[in-house]
Each structure stands twice: as structure tokens, then as C-alpha cells.
Amino acid sequence: MTGTAAAEPRLLDPRLARRIAATLLPGFVGTTLPGWLERRLRDGLGGVCVFGPNIVSAEQLRALTDAIYAANPEAIVAIDEEGGDVTRLHYATGSPYPGNAVLGRLGDAERTEQVAARVGAELRAVGVNLDFAPDVDINSNPDNPVIGVRSFGVSPAVVAEQGAAWVRGLQSAGVAACAKHFPGHGDTAQDSHLALPVVDLSAAELRERELVPFRAAVEAGTRTVMTSHILLPQLDAALPATFSHPIVEGLLRGELGFDGLVVTDALDMLGASGERGIPEAAVLALAAGCDLLCLGTENTDEQLTAIVEAVADAIAAGRLTVERVEEAAGRVIGLAAELRADVEPAQAGSASSGAPVIDPVEARAIVPAFELSDAARSWLRDGRRASGVVRLETVANIAVGTAPWGPFAETATGAEDGAAAAFAALPVVEVTEEDSARTSLPDGPVIVIGKDNHRHAFARETIDRLRAERGDVLVVDMGWPADDRRYADIATFGASRLLGRALLDLLGPGS
């Protein structure tokens, strides 16, 4: 606001204002707790969502969460830590975990449970008590721009088994799980951060596929479920799932029997607030039956004032009942109280700082999840050596952000073994959509590494150009490849740092 004074917040009934505040989960800018957020926590704010830019180190994050609990001992401290491409704890260095798609391909529920328990232990050590994981969407559309390798797979049975295992493992560490994005974001071709996707499926079709993993997660005891900003016109032609009473109360609570905390996906996403604004989105979400409103990444004191006032106005106008807000606030406060136990400062030392060392045994154990073409097997069998690397740098979706990825993340940590050193010594040419036509590509045999190669025209054109010019081209796709695998000689089904390490080991010391 330039040249105008901020409007004074209206005086509301203190109890009502506190109950509305208990339903809100904002993000913020910075690495320390802002004064305005501390004040709101003291006044009953439900909690805080922490994102990658809020984290510098484990010690800093623990100091931040300690400050949050000092202001409100029964706060929810949430994070988006999926243990793969979507990481917040390891946003600066890349995740040391395999990610869902690889776990699904390995098909070992016990391994998945153990991975989730390790993630949970890290989160508890830094004071986080709610993790927005697992993603139990079925990735039925290989062109999906926002789910992809965040999914355990394309089979409802596999996703159900793996999702339930993740819930059990995470919650065994004392961190609440969150099955997302209800009732299923896998069959979309749009990103709800940027638009409102439409999934034109009937309730019967949802029961046969999308709802299977959610039912399994509920039966496994997930403490929370996150709604999605997608429109399902056969269930509710007017409102996306987050705002739909038939979907939240009818399908999730009624049919699946979920009686825990319903969390919204971030309301600053265009699929939710693009046409109506965050305050109105908050009103609609509460009216639909959601309890905890995830607001976004960079919220402000002024935004929260506007949201609280909008909810109060909706109650005064009869659009929303006090009882519904009381119910939502009660669920938030109740879960936070249950999660409060055993969050001790002494645990902070168990959290890793910097880039944790990748276990070579674990890296080798996930290679069987990779898919290799005959051309890739020939390359490896013949011991071919690349003279350079072409890195296809696509624009990451908002959920993934700019965390380091693949072998580039691993070599950036200074790993000095034979495979890492050989790869790091190769010249790397980075190709982006903006400069692909002007980029000079290296001579000789090359390894091309990208993510979701088939979805990006510049990536396809670069690979086609290289293949036309020379014979020795090994294409690696560290995303979700197209069904025909045309642009994936090696498909790793994820780009975490652990998978980058495994790829280096597969390529060998000479790369």
C-alpha cells in the first residue's frame, strides 16, 4: 500500500475471532518468526506452514518451531515433505529419499513404511507435527503436470498399499499424516496452482479407482486428509472439491467414514481463489466442511485480518454457522493437543544439517526400480563414455520449486568417489525453453538428462536434433516418462538426490 493507511481491523467478538483464527494455517516470508505472526499465535492462530525458503538448517528450523510453540503451545506446524522431488527439509541440497514413484515400483510396503518413519523422525526432531504426505493420487495421466512421480503409480491397489504404509510409518514417529489430494488429482492435465482442472468422472468411477487409496489411508488411520482444487462436474457442477459440501461431507466423511481433520490445499492457488479471492475461498471451504485452511506461502497480517472479517461477515449473513466454525476449530485444537506430547528440544540434535551422506547400499537397492531400454543396456554393457552432458532445465511446478535435483544435486555436495568425480568432470550444457534453438550442443557421445522430457517441445526437439546428428546419445528421464518411452532410454521415475546418486552408480566411474 503506497500513500494510503492500512484499514483498522473491525472489533469482533473475541471468542468468535479466536475460533476463526484457529482454523487458519498461513505461511510467511523469512527464517525467523515475524512479530505479527507471533501475536496471532498468542491470539489463537491454528498454526503455521513452513516452506523451503523458510529453512536454512535443522538448528534454525528447530529454533523457529520452538518460537511458534512458545507463542501457542498447541499450534499445528505443517510442512510439505513428501520424501522425494517435493522436499522442504532438503530444499537446499535435494532429497536423500527415493520418492513415491520409485517406492511404488519397488512394491515393498515394509520399505515404504521404514522410509516414512525416517522422514517422520526428521520432522519430529525439528518440531514439525503435521506432514502434508503421502500423496495418494493415482497418476493415470502421464501428461499430468503436477503429480507425476509424486504418485506411487497407476494401479489403485499399489497406490493404496503404499499410501497406507506411508501413513503408518510417518505416524509411528509422532507426526500426523495427510492423504492428498482428495478425491484424486491424478487424472488431470492442468496444474491447480495455475488453473481449475476438470475431472469428468462419476461417483462410481471414482469408487473404482481414485477413492481406493483414500479409503486405504483412512483405514490406516491418517489423521488428516487434504482436499484438491479440482472440479468434478458429475458430483458438483458449481464448485471445486475444496468448496463442495457433497464431496467433503458426502463423499469423504459420509461414504469413506473419515472423522479426522480436513485440510484444504493452499487457498492462494488459482484453482481456489483465482476468481474469488482468498477471503471468500476461506468462507466457502469452511461451509463445505473443511477444518484447517492452508492459506499459502507468503501471507501477511493484512490478509489474515481480511479472512477473519470475511468469515465473520458470512456468519452474520447466514451463509455460515457459528457451529460449523466451532466444529472446525475444535478439530484443529484437538489434533494439536494430541500431537503436542514429546516434542522435546533435546531431539533437535538428531536432525541432519546440510546434505546428509547418501547410503550407497540404499542407492544400489533402488536401481531395480529404473526402466532401461535396449539402447541403454547396450550403452552400459559396452562401457561407452560420454564426452558431455546436456541438462534439460524445465520450469519446475510450484509444488517442487527449485530444489537441486538428480546427479547435479549429488555432485554439488562435493561427492568425490569415482562415479561422481567422473560425472562432475564432464562439461555440462544447460538447455532451457528460452534458448534451446541458440544453444551449441557438445560434440561426441552425450548423456541427456531431463524431467518429463516428452511434455516439453524444446526437450523433444533437442533430443531429436542430437539423435539425428550422432549415434551415441543416452537419454535419461528423471520424471514420469511417456507411455511409449521414446524420450527415456533410462527412466528413473524421480529426481531426488538419492536417485541421482543411483544413476551415477548405474552409469559407472567413467560415465
Protein backbone atom coordinates (compact mmCIF):
# COMPACT_ATOMS: atom_id res chain seq x y z
CA MET A 1 0.00 0.00 0.00
CA THR A 2 1.63 3.20 -1.12
CA GLY A 3 0.24 6.51 0.05
CA THR A 4 -2.71 5.04 1.97
CA ALA A 5 -3.05 3.91 5.54
CA ALA A 6 -3.95 0.30 6.28
CA ALA A 7 -7.57 -0.09 7.32
CA GLU A 8 -8.12 -0.72 11.00
CA PRO A 9 -9.46 -4.21 11.74
CA ARG A 10 -13.06 -4.25 12.93
CA LEU A 11 -13.85 -5.15 16.50
CA LEU A 12 -15.24 -8.67 16.55
CA ASP A 13 -16.48 -10.83 19.36
CA PRO A 14 -13.18 -12.05 20.91
CA ARG A 15 -14.29 -15.68 21.20
CA LEU A 16 -15.53 -15.78 17.60
CA ALA A 17 -12.36 -14.13 16.33
CA ARG A 18 -10.27 -16.68 18.24
CA ARG A 19 -12.26 -19.62 16.87
CA ILE A 20 -11.95 -18.36 13.31
CA ALA A 21 -8.21 -17.85 13.84
CA ALA A 22 -7.88 -21.46 14.99
CA THR A 23 -8.86 -22.65 11.51
CA LEU A 24 -6.11 -20.71 9.71
CA LEU A 25 -2.69 -22.02 8.64
CA PRO A 26 -0.65 -19.26 6.93
CA GLY A 27 2.84 -19.23 5.51
CA PHE A 28 5.23 -16.31 5.87
CA VAL A 29 8.37 -14.73 4.48
CA GLY A 30 11.68 -15.19 6.31
CA THR A 31 13.53 -17.65 8.52
CA THR A 32 12.50 -16.29 11.91
CA LEU A 33 9.03 -15.86 13.36
CA PRO A 34 7.65 -12.42 12.40
CA GLY A 35 6.18 -10.30 15.18
CA TRP A 36 2.73 -10.17 13.58
CA LEU A 37 2.62 -13.97 13.32
CA GLU A 38 3.78 -14.42 16.91
CA ARG A 39 0.99 -12.11 18.06
CA ARG A 40 -1.61 -14.03 16.09
CA LEU A 41 -0.36 -17.33 17.50
CA ARG A 42 -0.78 -15.92 21.01
CA ASP A 43 -4.31 -14.94 19.99
CA GLY A 44 -5.19 -18.49 18.96
CA LEU A 45 -3.98 -18.88 15.36
CA GLY A 46 -4.26 -22.54 14.39
CA GLY A 47 -0.70 -22.91 13.20
CA VAL A 48 1.94 -22.17 10.61
CA CYS A 49 3.00 -23.89 7.38
CA VAL A 50 6.75 -23.95 6.76
CA PHE A 51 8.17 -23.97 3.22
CA GLY A 52 11.64 -24.43 1.72
CA PRO A 53 12.61 -20.72 1.73
CA ASN A 54 11.82 -20.61 5.46
CA ILE A 55 14.55 -23.17 6.19
CA VAL A 56 18.31 -22.64 6.42
CA SER A 57 19.34 -25.54 8.66
CA ALA A 58 17.91 -28.07 11.08
CA GLU A 59 19.02 -25.94 14.01
CA GLN A 60 17.40 -22.82 12.57
CA LEU A 61 14.17 -24.69 11.85
CA ARG A 62 14.06 -26.07 15.37
CA ALA A 63 14.55 -22.56 16.76
CA LEU A 64 11.69 -21.38 14.55
CA THR A 65 9.32 -24.12 15.68
CA ASP A 66 10.31 -23.55 19.30
CA ALA A 67 9.30 -19.90 18.87
CA ILE A 68 5.97 -20.98 17.36
CA TYR A 69 5.23 -23.30 20.29
CA ALA A 70 6.28 -20.64 22.78
CA ALA A 71 3.62 -18.37 21.30
CA ASN A 72 1.00 -21.13 21.04
CA PRO A 73 1.89 -24.47 22.69
CA GLU A 74 -0.93 -26.16 20.82
CA ALA A 75 -0.11 -24.93 17.33
CA ILE A 76 -0.04 -27.03 14.20
CA VAL A 77 3.35 -26.77 12.49
CA ALA A 78 2.93 -28.21 9.00
CA ILE A 79 5.28 -28.89 6.11
CA ASP A 80 5.16 -30.37 2.61
CA GLU A 81 7.80 -33.11 2.96
CA GLU A 82 6.97 -35.92 0.55
CA GLY A 83 10.38 -37.56 0.71
CA GLY A 84 11.28 -37.17 -2.96
CA ASP A 85 11.05 -34.43 -5.59
CA VAL A 86 8.82 -32.39 -3.26
CA THR A 87 11.05 -31.67 -0.28
CA ARG A 88 11.26 -28.84 2.23
CA LEU A 89 13.72 -30.25 4.77
CA HIS A 90 16.27 -30.76 1.99
CA TYR A 91 15.23 -27.90 -0.28
CA ALA A 92 18.78 -26.56 -0.42
CA THR A 93 20.52 -29.83 -1.32
CA GLY A 94 17.96 -32.28 -2.75
CA SER A 95 16.18 -35.12 -1.01
CA PRO A 96 18.03 -38.20 0.28
CA TYR A 97 14.80 -40.21 -0.05
CA PRO A 98 13.58 -42.15 -3.12
CA GLY A 99 10.14 -40.61 -3.67
CA ASN A 100 6.77 -42.25 -4.16
CA ALA A 101 7.02 -43.45 -7.75
CA VAL A 102 10.16 -45.45 -7.03
CA LEU A 103 8.70 -46.88 -3.83
CA GLY A 104 5.62 -47.92 -5.75
CA ARG A 105 7.71 -49.60 -8.43
CA LEU A 106 9.73 -51.48 -5.82
CA GLY A 107 6.46 -52.61 -4.29
CA ASP A 108 7.83 -53.26 -0.81
CA ALA A 109 5.36 -51.89 1.74
CA GLU A 110 7.77 -52.56 4.61
CA ARG A 111 10.47 -50.47 2.91
CA THR A 112 7.96 -47.66 2.31
CA GLU A 113 6.92 -47.73 5.96
CA GLN A 114 10.56 -47.50 7.02
CA VAL A 115 11.25 -44.56 4.71
CA ALA A 116 8.21 -42.72 6.04
CA ALA A 117 9.29 -43.40 9.61
CA ARG A 118 12.71 -41.87 8.84
CA VAL A 119 11.03 -38.81 7.38
CA GLY A 120 8.83 -38.60 10.46
CA ALA A 121 11.80 -38.82 12.81
CA GLU A 122 13.49 -35.94 10.99
CA LEU A 123 10.34 -33.86 11.21
CA ARG A 124 9.80 -34.53 14.90
CA ALA A 125 13.41 -33.60 15.59
CA VAL A 126 12.82 -30.13 14.17
CA GLY A 127 9.42 -29.68 15.80
CA VAL A 128 7.07 -30.31 12.87
CA ASN A 129 3.90 -32.18 13.81
CA LEU A 130 1.91 -32.36 10.54
CA ASP A 131 3.29 -33.51 7.20
CA PHE A 132 1.30 -32.97 4.02
CA ALA A 133 2.09 -36.50 2.84
CA PRO A 134 1.54 -39.05 1.45
CA ASP A 135 0.32 -38.09 -2.00
CA VAL A 136 -2.11 -40.91 -2.80
CA ASP A 137 -3.22 -39.63 -6.20
CA ILE A 138 -3.16 -42.28 -8.94
CA ASN A 139 -1.10 -40.93 -11.82
CA SER A 140 -3.42 -42.19 -14.53
CA ASN A 141 -2.43 -39.39 -16.93
CA PRO A 142 1.28 -39.45 -17.90
CA ASP A 143 0.94 -35.83 -19.04
CA ASN A 144 -0.09 -34.69 -15.57
CA PRO A 145 1.99 -31.55 -14.92
CA VAL A 146 1.77 -31.51 -11.12
CA ILE A 147 1.52 -35.10 -9.80
CA GLY A 148 3.74 -37.43 -11.86
CA VAL A 149 6.48 -39.00 -9.71
CA ARG A 150 4.74 -37.76 -6.56
CA SER A 151 2.34 -40.67 -7.12
CA PHE A 152 3.04 -44.27 -6.10
CA GLY A 153 1.83 -45.42 -9.52
CA VAL A 154 -1.06 -46.11 -11.87
CA SER A 155 -2.58 -49.09 -10.06
CA PRO A 156 -5.20 -48.33 -7.39
CA ALA A 157 -4.11 -51.40 -5.43
CA VAL A 158 -0.44 -50.41 -5.45
CA VAL A 159 -1.14 -46.79 -4.50
CA ALA A 160 -3.47 -47.96 -1.74
CA GLU A 161 -0.92 -50.37 -0.28
CA GLN A 162 1.96 -47.93 -0.48
CA GLY A 163 -0.06 -44.96 0.78
CA ALA A 164 -1.28 -46.90 3.81
CA ALA A 165 2.29 -47.99 4.56
CA TRP A 166 3.47 -44.38 4.38
CA VAL A 167 0.70 -43.29 6.77
CA ARG A 168 1.67 -45.99 9.27
CA GLY A 169 5.37 -45.19 9.07
CA LEU A 170 5.03 -41.43 9.36
CA GLN A 171 2.57 -41.57 12.23
CA SER A 172 4.72 -44.11 14.09
CA ALA A 173 7.17 -41.22 14.54
CA GLY A 174 4.51 -39.00 16.12
CA VAL A 175 3.84 -36.85 13.04
CA ALA A 176 0.32 -36.61 11.62
CA ALA A 177 -0.06 -37.80 8.03
CA CYS A 178 -2.18 -36.10 5.38
CA ALA A 179 -3.54 -38.14 2.46
CA LYS A 180 -3.91 -35.85 -0.56
CA HIS A 181 -5.39 -34.52 -2.89
CA PHE A 182 -8.96 -35.71 -2.29
CA PRO A 183 -10.77 -37.05 -4.23
CA GLY A 184 -7.85 -37.52 -6.65
CA HIS A 185 -5.67 -35.19 -8.76
CA GLY A 186 -4.01 -37.84 -10.92
CA ASP A 187 -6.25 -37.73 -13.98
CA THR A 188 -5.67 -34.05 -14.75
CA ALA A 189 -3.76 -32.26 -17.48
CA GLN A 190 -3.64 -28.93 -15.64
CA ASP A 191 -1.91 -27.69 -12.52
CA SER A 192 -4.39 -26.39 -9.92
CA HIS A 193 -1.77 -23.87 -8.81
CA LEU A 194 -2.39 -22.16 -12.13
CA ALA A 195 -5.91 -23.14 -13.24
CA LEU A 196 -9.01 -25.12 -12.25
CA PRO A 197 -8.66 -28.67 -13.61
CA VAL A 198 -11.80 -30.62 -14.52
CA VAL A 199 -12.14 -34.35 -13.82
CA ASP A 200 -15.30 -35.58 -15.51
CA LEU A 201 -15.77 -38.85 -13.63
CA SER A 202 -18.85 -40.28 -11.98
CA ALA A 203 -19.01 -41.32 -8.35
CA ALA A 204 -18.95 -44.95 -9.48
CA GLU A 205 -15.77 -44.39 -11.50
CA LEU A 206 -14.16 -42.63 -8.55
CA ARG A 207 -15.01 -45.55 -6.28
CA GLU A 208 -13.31 -47.98 -8.67
CA ARG A 209 -10.08 -46.00 -8.93
CA GLU A 210 -9.40 -42.62 -7.27
CA LEU A 211 -11.06 -43.36 -3.95
CA VAL A 212 -9.35 -46.73 -3.39
CA PRO A 213 -6.11 -45.25 -1.95
CA PHE A 214 -8.01 -42.70 0.14
CA ARG A 215 -10.12 -45.44 1.66
CA ALA A 216 -6.93 -47.36 2.48
CA ALA A 217 -5.34 -44.28 4.04
CA VAL A 218 -8.44 -43.68 6.18
CA GLU A 219 -8.42 -47.31 7.28
CA ALA A 220 -4.71 -46.96 8.11
CA GLY A 221 -5.62 -44.12 10.46
CA THR A 222 -4.46 -41.00 8.64
CA ARG A 223 -5.08 -38.06 10.95
CA THR A 224 -5.80 -35.61 8.15
CA VAL A 225 -6.92 -35.52 4.51
CA MET A 226 -6.24 -32.66 2.09
CA THR A 227 -8.80 -31.57 -0.48
CA SER A 228 -7.99 -30.61 -4.06
CA HIS A 229 -8.95 -27.61 -6.14
CA ILE A 230 -10.43 -29.63 -8.99
CA LEU A 231 -13.92 -29.54 -10.45
CA LEU A 232 -15.84 -32.81 -10.64
CA PRO A 233 -18.98 -31.75 -12.54
CA GLN A 234 -20.77 -35.09 -12.09
CA LEU A 235 -20.60 -34.63 -8.32
CA ASP A 236 -20.79 -30.83 -8.07
CA ALA A 237 -21.11 -28.79 -11.24
CA ALA A 238 -20.63 -25.45 -9.49
CA LEU A 239 -17.76 -25.72 -7.01
CA PRO A 240 -14.35 -27.42 -6.86
CA ALA A 241 -13.82 -30.20 -4.31
CA THR A 242 -12.45 -27.92 -1.59
CA PHE A 243 -15.68 -25.91 -1.61
CA SER A 244 -18.07 -28.79 -2.28
CA HIS A 245 -20.30 -29.98 0.57
CA PRO A 246 -21.32 -33.13 -1.40
CA ILE A 247 -17.64 -34.07 -1.83
CA VAL A 248 -16.27 -33.15 1.62
CA GLU A 249 -19.21 -34.07 3.81
CA GLY A 250 -20.95 -36.54 1.50
CA LEU A 251 -18.07 -38.47 -0.05
CA LEU A 252 -15.17 -38.09 2.39
CA ARG A 253 -16.98 -38.07 5.71
CA GLY A 254 -20.16 -39.91 4.77
CA GLU A 255 -19.02 -42.63 2.39
CA LEU A 256 -15.39 -43.09 3.48
CA GLY A 257 -16.19 -42.53 7.15
CA PHE A 258 -13.34 -40.09 7.76
CA ASP A 259 -13.79 -38.28 11.08
CA GLY A 260 -10.39 -36.57 11.31
CA LEU A 261 -9.15 -33.16 10.24
CA VAL A 262 -9.89 -31.98 6.69
CA VAL A 263 -7.22 -29.61 5.37
CA THR A 264 -7.51 -27.51 2.24
CA ASP A 265 -4.81 -27.31 -0.37
CA ALA A 266 -3.35 -23.80 -0.39
CA LEU A 267 -6.07 -21.23 -0.94
CA ASP A 268 -3.73 -18.86 -2.76
CA MET A 269 -3.71 -21.30 -5.69
CA LEU A 270 -5.59 -20.05 -8.74
CA GLY A 271 -7.78 -23.16 -8.75
CA ALA A 272 -9.21 -21.95 -5.43
CA SER A 273 -9.05 -18.17 -5.26
CA GLY A 274 -8.34 -17.05 -8.80
CA GLU A 275 -11.83 -15.66 -9.39
CA ARG A 276 -12.98 -15.02 -5.84
CA GLY A 277 -10.01 -14.08 -3.63
CA ILE A 278 -8.69 -15.85 -0.55
CA PRO A 279 -11.22 -14.46 1.98
CA GLU A 280 -14.21 -15.77 0.00
CA ALA A 281 -12.36 -19.04 -0.63
CA ALA A 282 -11.95 -19.41 3.13
CA VAL A 283 -15.68 -18.93 3.69
CA LEU A 284 -16.59 -21.50 1.05
CA ALA A 285 -14.09 -24.05 2.38
CA LEU A 286 -15.42 -23.82 5.92
CA ALA A 287 -19.02 -24.04 4.69
CA ALA A 288 -18.16 -27.18 2.71
CA GLY A 289 -16.82 -28.93 5.81
CA CYS A 290 -13.07 -28.19 5.74
CA ASP A 291 -11.44 -27.57 9.11
CA LEU A 292 -7.90 -26.23 8.61
CA LEU A 293 -7.35 -23.67 5.86
CA CYS A 294 -3.89 -23.76 4.32
CA LEU A 295 -3.56 -20.19 3.07
CA GLY A 296 -0.33 -20.15 1.07
CA THR A 297 3.37 -19.43 1.20
CA GLU A 298 3.76 -15.68 1.74
CA ASN A 299 0.77 -14.49 3.70
CA THR A 300 0.55 -11.21 5.57
CA ASP A 301 -1.09 -9.81 8.67
CA GLU A 302 -3.47 -7.78 6.49
CA GLN A 303 -4.57 -10.90 4.60
CA LEU A 304 -5.43 -12.72 7.81
CA THR A 305 -7.45 -9.73 9.02
CA ALA A 306 -9.44 -9.76 5.77
CA ILE A 307 -10.06 -13.53 6.06
CA VAL A 308 -11.25 -13.35 9.68
CA GLU A 309 -13.58 -10.47 8.83
CA ALA A 310 -14.95 -12.27 5.76
CA VAL A 311 -15.76 -15.35 7.82
CA ALA A 312 -17.43 -13.21 10.49
CA ASP A 313 -19.46 -11.41 7.81
CA ALA A 314 -20.53 -14.76 6.34
CA ILE A 315 -21.78 -15.85 9.75
CA ALA A 316 -23.67 -12.58 10.19
CA ALA A 317 -25.25 -13.02 6.76
CA GLY A 318 -26.33 -16.59 7.47
CA ARG A 319 -24.01 -18.11 4.85
CA LEU A 320 -22.03 -19.93 7.51
CA THR A 321 -22.93 -21.04 11.02
CA VAL A 322 -21.06 -20.44 14.24
CA GLU A 323 -21.45 -24.17 14.94
CA ARG A 324 -19.55 -25.07 11.75
CA VAL A 325 -16.66 -22.78 12.73
CA GLU A 326 -16.70 -24.15 16.28
CA GLU A 327 -16.56 -27.69 14.91
CA ALA A 328 -13.63 -26.87 12.62
CA ALA A 329 -11.70 -25.03 15.34
CA GLY A 330 -12.35 -27.86 17.78
CA ARG A 331 -10.84 -30.41 15.40
CA VAL A 332 -7.73 -28.27 14.86
CA ILE A 333 -7.19 -27.59 18.56
CA GLY A 334 -7.89 -31.21 19.44
CA LEU A 335 -5.37 -32.61 16.97
CA ALA A 336 -2.72 -30.09 18.01
CA ALA A 337 -3.19 -31.04 21.65
CA GLU A 338 -2.77 -34.73 20.82
CA LEU A 339 0.38 -34.04 18.80
CA ARG A 340 1.92 -31.80 21.45
CA ALA A 341 3.33 -34.60 23.57
CA ASP A 342 7.02 -35.49 23.44
CA VAL A 343 8.25 -32.58 21.31
CA GLU A 344 11.41 -32.06 23.35
CA PRO A 345 14.22 -29.59 22.48
CA ALA A 346 16.77 -32.33 23.14
CA GLN A 347 15.60 -34.06 19.98
CA ALA A 348 16.94 -31.25 17.80
CA GLY A 349 20.40 -32.79 17.60
CA SER A 350 19.03 -35.80 15.74
CA ALA A 351 18.06 -33.72 12.73
CA SER A 352 20.51 -33.59 9.86
CA SER A 353 22.11 -30.35 8.75
CA GLY A 354 23.47 -29.68 5.31
CA ALA A 355 23.42 -32.55 2.81
CA PRO A 356 23.19 -35.95 4.52
CA VAL A 357 25.50 -38.60 3.13
CA ILE A 358 23.74 -40.97 0.77
CA ASP A 359 23.91 -44.61 1.83
CA PRO A 360 25.48 -46.45 -1.15
CA VAL A 361 23.64 -49.64 -0.25
CA GLU A 362 20.32 -47.82 -0.37
CA ALA A 363 21.24 -46.18 -3.68
CA ARG A 364 22.05 -49.54 -5.27
CA ALA A 365 18.88 -51.08 -3.88
CA ILE A 366 16.63 -48.69 -5.80
CA VAL A 367 18.23 -49.19 -9.22
CA PRO A 368 15.83 -52.10 -9.94
CA ALA A 369 13.05 -49.51 -9.99
CA PHE A 370 14.64 -47.87 -13.04
CA GLU A 371 13.50 -48.83 -16.51
CA LEU A 372 16.14 -49.29 -19.23
CA SER A 373 15.66 -49.55 -22.98
CA ASP A 374 17.69 -51.92 -25.14
CA ALA A 375 19.74 -48.92 -26.26
CA ALA A 376 20.55 -48.06 -22.65
CA ARG A 377 21.52 -51.63 -21.84
CA SER A 378 23.80 -51.66 -24.87
CA TRP A 379 25.41 -48.35 -23.80
CA LEU A 380 26.10 -49.69 -20.32
CA ARG A 381 27.18 -53.16 -21.46
CA ASP A 382 29.67 -51.72 -23.95
CA GLY A 383 31.06 -49.31 -21.37
CA ARG A 384 30.52 -46.26 -23.58
CA ARG A 385 31.85 -42.98 -22.24
CA ALA A 386 30.17 -39.62 -22.69
CA SER A 387 32.10 -36.55 -23.75
CA GLY A 388 29.49 -34.21 -22.28
CA VAL A 389 26.13 -33.83 -20.59
CA VAL A 390 23.07 -31.95 -21.83
CA ARG A 391 20.91 -30.81 -18.95
CA LEU A 392 17.32 -30.07 -19.94
CA GLU A 393 16.17 -27.47 -17.42
CA THR A 394 12.41 -27.21 -17.49
CA VAL A 395 10.35 -24.82 -15.38
CA ALA A 396 9.53 -26.68 -12.18
CA ASN A 397 5.98 -26.74 -10.95
CA ILE A 398 5.26 -24.73 -7.81
CA ALA A 399 5.00 -27.82 -5.60
CA VAL A 400 8.55 -28.92 -6.46
CA GLY A 401 10.10 -25.47 -6.58
CA THR A 402 13.80 -25.05 -7.29
CA ALA A 403 15.34 -27.76 -5.11
CA PRO A 404 18.52 -29.27 -6.63
CA TRP A 405 17.82 -32.48 -8.49
CA GLY A 406 19.32 -35.65 -9.85
CA PRO A 407 23.05 -36.26 -10.25
CA PHE A 408 23.62 -32.50 -10.31
CA ALA A 409 22.39 -32.32 -6.71
CA GLU A 410 24.71 -35.13 -5.66
CA THR A 411 27.84 -33.75 -7.33
CA ALA A 412 27.09 -30.29 -5.94
CA THR A 413 27.59 -31.70 -2.43
CA GLY A 414 31.23 -32.43 -3.25
CA ALA A 415 30.93 -36.20 -3.55
CA GLU A 416 34.38 -37.40 -4.70
CA ASP A 417 34.02 -41.13 -5.43
CA GLY A 418 34.82 -42.41 -8.91
CA ALA A 419 31.36 -42.18 -10.45
CA ALA A 420 30.60 -38.75 -9.02
CA ALA A 421 34.01 -37.35 -9.85
CA ALA A 422 33.87 -38.62 -13.42
CA PHE A 423 30.42 -37.14 -13.95
CA ALA A 424 31.41 -33.83 -12.36
CA ALA A 425 34.37 -33.60 -14.74
CA LEU A 426 32.15 -33.75 -17.82
CA PRO A 427 31.23 -30.44 -19.48
CA VAL A 428 27.54 -29.66 -18.96
CA VAL A 429 25.44 -27.69 -21.42
CA GLU A 430 22.20 -26.42 -19.94
CA VAL A 431 19.30 -26.11 -22.36
CA THR A 432 16.14 -24.19 -21.49
CA GLU A 433 12.99 -23.43 -23.42
CA GLU A 434 14.07 -19.81 -23.93
CA ASP A 435 17.45 -20.56 -25.50
CA SER A 436 17.19 -24.09 -26.89
CA ALA A 437 17.47 -23.02 -30.53
CA ARG A 438 20.60 -20.95 -29.86
CA THR A 439 22.45 -23.37 -27.59
CA SER A 440 25.54 -25.09 -29.02
CA LEU A 441 25.40 -28.75 -28.15
CA PRO A 442 28.57 -30.72 -27.28
CA ASP A 443 30.32 -32.96 -29.78
CA GLY A 444 30.74 -36.70 -29.33
CA PRO A 445 28.68 -39.10 -27.22
CA VAL A 446 26.37 -37.31 -24.83
CA ILE A 447 24.09 -38.07 -21.92
CA VAL A 448 20.88 -36.02 -21.97
CA ILE A 449 19.16 -35.63 -18.60
CA GLY A 450 15.77 -34.03 -18.07
CA LYS A 451 12.42 -34.47 -16.34
CA ASP A 452 9.16 -35.35 -18.13
CA ASN A 453 11.01 -34.96 -21.43
CA HIS A 454 8.01 -35.79 -23.60
CA ARG A 455 5.91 -32.94 -22.16
CA HIS A 456 8.24 -30.17 -23.33
CA ALA A 457 8.62 -29.30 -27.01
CA PHE A 458 12.11 -27.86 -26.59
CA ALA A 459 13.25 -31.05 -24.84
CA ARG A 460 11.88 -33.26 -27.62
CA GLU A 461 13.43 -31.04 -30.28
CA THR A 462 16.82 -31.05 -28.55
CA ILE A 463 16.81 -34.85 -28.22
CA ASP A 464 15.67 -35.32 -31.84
CA ARG A 465 18.40 -32.94 -33.00
CA LEU A 466 21.09 -34.82 -31.13
CA ARG A 467 19.90 -38.20 -32.31
CA ALA A 468 19.86 -37.01 -35.90
CA GLU A 469 23.39 -35.63 -35.68
CA ARG A 470 25.11 -38.55 -33.95
CA GLY A 471 24.54 -42.12 -32.85
CA ASP A 472 25.77 -42.07 -29.27
CA VAL A 473 23.02 -40.36 -27.28
CA LEU A 474 21.77 -41.71 -23.96
CA VAL A 475 18.54 -40.02 -22.84
CA VAL A 476 17.62 -40.07 -19.15
CA ASP A 477 14.16 -39.03 -17.97
CA MET A 478 14.05 -38.33 -14.24
CA GLY A 479 10.34 -37.52 -14.33
CA TRP A 480 7.33 -39.59 -15.37
CA PRO A 481 8.02 -40.79 -18.94
CA ALA A 482 5.50 -41.08 -21.74
CA ASP A 483 3.95 -44.49 -22.24
CA ASP A 484 5.97 -45.05 -25.44
CA ARG A 485 9.28 -44.21 -23.64
CA ARG A 486 10.50 -42.51 -26.80
CA TYR A 487 12.38 -39.88 -24.83
CA ALA A 488 13.53 -42.11 -21.99
CA ASP A 489 16.35 -44.60 -22.60
CA ILE A 490 16.64 -44.66 -18.82
CA ALA A 491 13.58 -43.76 -16.75
CA THR A 492 14.32 -43.20 -13.07
CA PHE A 493 10.80 -42.15 -12.01
CA GLY A 494 12.07 -39.37 -9.80
CA ALA A 495 14.82 -36.77 -9.48
CA SER A 496 15.70 -36.78 -5.79
CA ARG A 497 19.37 -36.60 -4.85
CA LEU A 498 19.23 -40.26 -3.85
CA LEU A 499 18.05 -41.20 -7.34
CA GLY A 500 20.80 -39.01 -8.79
CA ARG A 501 23.30 -41.00 -6.76
CA ALA A 502 21.80 -44.26 -8.00
CA LEU A 503 22.00 -43.03 -11.60
CA LEU A 504 25.69 -42.16 -11.16
CA ASP A 505 26.36 -45.64 -9.83
CA LEU A 506 24.50 -47.17 -12.78
CA LEU A 507 26.46 -45.12 -15.32
CA GLY A 508 29.71 -46.16 -13.67
CA PRO A 509 33.01 -44.47 -12.82
CA GLY A 510 33.65 -43.42 -16.38
CA SER A 511 30.11 -42.06 -17.03
